Amino acid sequence: MKVTKIFDKGHQWFMFGRDPEKADSIIDTNQYMIVAGERALLMDPGGIEVFAPMLGAILHHAKADQITDLFASHQDPDIISSLGLWDQALPEARLHAPWIWEGFIRHFGMNNIEYVGIPDEGNTLNLGLINLEFIPAHYLHASGNYHVYDPVAKILMSGDVGAALESPEGPIYVDDFDEHVTRMKMFHQRWMPSNRAKNDWISRVRKLDIEQMAPQHGRIFKGDDVKRFLDWFEELEVGTAIGNDDD
């Protein structure tokens, strides 16, 4: 599993993923961790199949008792089906996830970790050195969905928004936006169901100062490519499977 440090100024952001040993039938995912002094937040920690390499990679950068908090943007198994194993490894941690999905996420196994439901309007998490914001991203693509914004690092962990399907050998950052669109278009048109929800999210995100947008799949957007993505996404018609744009 590849580990990339994407921010290191007072606190650190790490990206985990790009595992060339994963089965071709399993989608590649990006996992993220923020280490801020004596505390750490693990975001969308991954499917059960990546637990062992994730745990091994994480312990090179944080102690187990530092990981006080986990975050799940929504209920999909590719990001949270490892919960039962994290529940055993980090029994004192808290899981921040949409309130609407608690009854579903608990099916992955949760006997020790405390479930902290995020309200529809979002909220904040004090991680000791920094305050993080849980930004509503409802219906993109789950009906209860959030992203994580770090106003100090100016990074938005954007879940499935900005995702692209590609091989683990691809670069970490977008290097040719127009070419990268070919990897994103079908995913966003098919998995994002609502133009209204999309435009609500874009309106929220344009108010944030973002230097990096880090999605759950594919490459990270940096600098001007963040605005290029927002402009492209705003023009894109989504929910194409039902052939009706009046949503």
Foldseek 3Di string as FASTA:
>chain_A
DDKDWPDDDQKTKIKDWLDQPDDPVDFTWIWMKIQHPQAMETELQFALVCVVVSVVVVVVPHPLQRHQEYEYFAQDRGRQLNVQVNCVSNLNHEYEYAPVCPVPSCVSPHDRHHYDHAYQCWDWDDGPVFIKTWHFLAPQPHNGGTWIATQVRQEIADEAQVAFTDHSPDDQADDDLVVRCVRVQVVQQERRAALVSLVVRLVVCVVGRHQWYHYTHDHIYGDPRVVVSSVVSNPHQHNPVVPDHPD
